[in-house]
């Protein structure tokens, strides 16, 4: 992992809403944007933006089922991400 990749992961994690999303996904294993938004008490649109940032850094992954997309924590995690998730 390069320093630039590490910086991108830290920037993605440096937000309380995104950490709340990860905490929720750690607990539930998988959820839709609507379920995540309801849990973290944020609008669907704002939650979706945070999810896209996390997905863009391969922190979470998407599973499309019909019209609904479900998100879960990525199985291919770096040791930095694994440590962060263990704290949540």
C-alpha atoms as a PDB file:
ATOM      1  CA  UNK A   1       0.000   0.000   0.000  1.00  0.00           C
ATOM      2  CA  UNK A   2       1.371   3.374  -0.993  1.00  0.00           C
ATOM      3  CA  UNK A   3       1.303   6.508   1.121  1.00  0.00           C
ATOM      4  CA  UNK A   4      -1.216   8.045  -1.287  1.00  0.00           C
ATOM      5  CA  UNK A   5      -3.572   5.055  -0.928  1.00  0.00           C
ATOM      6  CA  UNK A   6      -3.240   5.213   2.839  1.00  0.00           C
ATOM      7  CA  UNK A   7      -3.998   8.941   2.799  1.00  0.00           C
ATOM      8  CA  UNK A   8      -7.178   8.316   0.760  1.00  0.00           C
ATOM      9  CA  UNK A   9      -8.377   5.688   3.222  1.00  0.00           C
ATOM     10  CA  UNK A  10      -7.729   7.979   6.186  1.00  0.00           C
ATOM     11  CA  UNK A  11      -9.585  10.836   4.481  1.00  0.00           C
ATOM     12  CA  UNK A  12     -12.558   8.573   3.806  1.00  0.00           C
ATOM     13  CA  UNK A  13     -12.595   7.478   7.458  1.00  0.00           C
ATOM     14  CA  UNK A  14     -12.135  11.002   8.839  1.00  0.00           C
ATOM     15  CA  UNK A  15     -15.862  11.721   9.035  1.00  0.00           C
ATOM     16  CA  UNK A  16     -18.273  10.857  11.838  1.00  0.00           C
ATOM     17  CA  UNK A  17     -21.102   9.978   9.433  1.00  0.00           C
ATOM     18  CA  UNK A  18     -18.939   7.538   7.484  1.00  0.00           C
ATOM     19  CA  UNK A  19     -17.711   5.991  10.733  1.00  0.00           C
ATOM     20  CA  UNK A  20     -21.358   5.639  11.806  1.00  0.00           C
ATOM     21  CA  UNK A  21     -22.103   3.873   8.514  1.00  0.00           C
ATOM     22  CA  UNK A  22     -19.238   1.448   9.111  1.00  0.00           C
ATOM     23  CA  UNK A  23     -20.336   0.850  12.684  1.00  0.00           C
ATOM     24  CA  UNK A  24     -23.867   0.064  11.486  1.00  0.00           C
ATOM     25  CA  UNK A  25     -22.619  -2.260   8.738  1.00  0.00           C
ATOM     26  CA  UNK A  26     -20.330  -3.997  11.200  1.00  0.00           C
ATOM     27  CA  UNK A  27     -23.379  -4.692  13.376  1.00  0.00           C
ATOM     28  CA  UNK A  28     -25.858  -5.637  10.624  1.00  0.00           C
ATOM     29  CA  UNK A  29     -23.410  -7.157   8.112  1.00  0.00           C
ATOM     30  CA  UNK A  30     -25.444  -5.728   5.205  1.00  0.00           C
ATOM     31  CA  UNK A  31     -27.959  -2.934   4.610  1.00  0.00           C
ATOM     32  CA  UNK A  32     -29.606  -0.755   1.969  1.00  0.00           C
ATOM     33  CA  UNK A  33     -29.062   3.003   1.741  1.00  0.00           C
ATOM     34  CA  UNK A  34     -32.506   3.579   3.252  1.00  0.00           C
ATOM     35  CA  UNK A  35     -31.764   1.347   6.245  1.00  0.00           C
ATOM     36  CA  UNK A  36     -28.405   3.033   6.805  1.00  0.00           C
ATOM     37  CA  UNK A  37     -29.923   6.518   6.460  1.00  0.00           C
ATOM     38  CA  UNK A  38     -32.628   5.711   9.020  1.00  0.00           C
ATOM     39  CA  UNK A  39     -30.095   4.366  11.505  1.00  0.00           C
ATOM     40  CA  UNK A  40     -27.660   7.279  11.285  1.00  0.00           C
ATOM     41  CA  UNK A  41     -30.498   9.828  11.032  1.00  0.00           C
ATOM     42  CA  UNK A  42     -29.349  11.413   7.799  1.00  0.00           C
ATOM     43  CA  UNK A  43     -31.124  12.039   4.495  1.00  0.00           C
ATOM     44  CA  UNK A  44     -31.067   9.375   1.806  1.00  0.00           C
ATOM     45  CA  UNK A  45     -29.143  11.671  -0.551  1.00  0.00           C
ATOM     46  CA  UNK A  46     -26.442  12.600   1.985  1.00  0.00           C
ATOM     47  CA  UNK A  47     -26.084   8.975   3.098  1.00  0.00           C
ATOM     48  CA  UNK A  48     -25.715   7.907  -0.514  1.00  0.00           C
ATOM     49  CA  UNK A  49     -22.875  10.425  -1.007  1.00  0.00           C
ATOM     50  CA  UNK A  50     -21.033   9.080   2.052  1.00  0.00           C
ATOM     51  CA  UNK A  51     -21.528   5.521   0.822  1.00  0.00           C
ATOM     52  CA  UNK A  52     -20.063   6.422  -2.568  1.00  0.00           C
ATOM     53  CA  UNK A  53     -16.934   7.795  -0.876  1.00  0.00           C
ATOM     54  CA  UNK A  54     -16.507   4.601   1.150  1.00  0.00           C
ATOM     55  CA  UNK A  55     -17.164   2.415  -1.889  1.00  0.00           C
ATOM     56  CA  UNK A  56     -14.710   4.462  -3.957  1.00  0.00           C
ATOM     57  CA  UNK A  57     -11.970   3.558  -1.492  1.00  0.00           C
ATOM     58  CA  UNK A  58     -12.987  -0.128  -1.480  1.00  0.00           C
ATOM     59  CA  UNK A  59     -13.953   0.114   2.184  1.00  0.00           C
ATOM     60  CA  UNK A  60     -17.458  -1.135   1.464  1.00  0.00           C
ATOM     61  CA  UNK A  61     -18.853  -3.098  -1.461  1.00  0.00           C
ATOM     62  CA  UNK A  62     -22.193  -3.092  -3.233  1.00  0.00           C
ATOM     63  CA  UNK A  63     -24.473  -5.980  -4.083  1.00  0.00           C
ATOM     64  CA  UNK A  64     -27.262  -5.093  -6.528  1.00  0.00           C
ATOM     65  CA  UNK A  65     -30.457  -7.142  -6.141  1.00  0.00           C
ATOM     66  CA  UNK A  66     -33.143  -6.035  -8.529  1.00  0.00           C
ATOM     67  CA  UNK A  67     -33.860  -2.380  -7.880  1.00  0.00           C
ATOM     68  CA  UNK A  68     -32.266  -2.386  -4.414  1.00  0.00           C
ATOM     69  CA  UNK A  69     -28.544  -2.129  -3.652  1.00  0.00           C
ATOM     70  CA  UNK A  70     -27.120  -3.560  -0.444  1.00  0.00           C
ATOM     71  CA  UNK A  71     -23.814  -2.571   1.088  1.00  0.00           C
ATOM     72  CA  UNK A  72     -21.403  -4.455   3.303  1.00  0.00           C
ATOM     73  CA  UNK A  73     -17.885  -3.958   4.558  1.00  0.00           C
ATOM     74  CA  UNK A  74     -15.411  -5.075   1.934  1.00  0.00           C
ATOM     75  CA  UNK A  75     -13.873  -8.498   2.398  1.00  0.00           C
ATOM     76  CA  UNK A  76     -10.531  -7.282   1.055  1.00  0.00           C
ATOM     77  CA  UNK A  77      -9.551  -4.927   3.854  1.00  0.00           C
ATOM     78  CA  UNK A  78      -6.168  -3.483   4.667  1.00  0.00           C
ATOM     79  CA  UNK A  79      -4.748  -4.016   8.145  1.00  0.00           C
ATOM     80  CA  UNK A  80      -5.331  -0.299   8.850  1.00  0.00           C
ATOM     81  CA  UNK A  81      -9.021  -0.676   8.056  1.00  0.00           C
ATOM     82  CA  UNK A  82      -9.290  -3.903  10.073  1.00  0.00           C
ATOM     83  CA  UNK A  83      -7.826  -2.129  13.094  1.00  0.00           C
ATOM     84  CA  UNK A  84     -10.172   0.837  12.674  1.00  0.00           C
ATOM     85  CA  UNK A  85     -13.184  -1.486  12.466  1.00  0.00           C
ATOM     86  CA  UNK A  86     -12.100  -3.330  15.600  1.00  0.00           C
ATOM     87  CA  UNK A  87     -12.316  -0.036  17.507  1.00  0.00           C
ATOM     88  CA  UNK A  88     -15.874   0.749  16.368  1.00  0.00           C
END
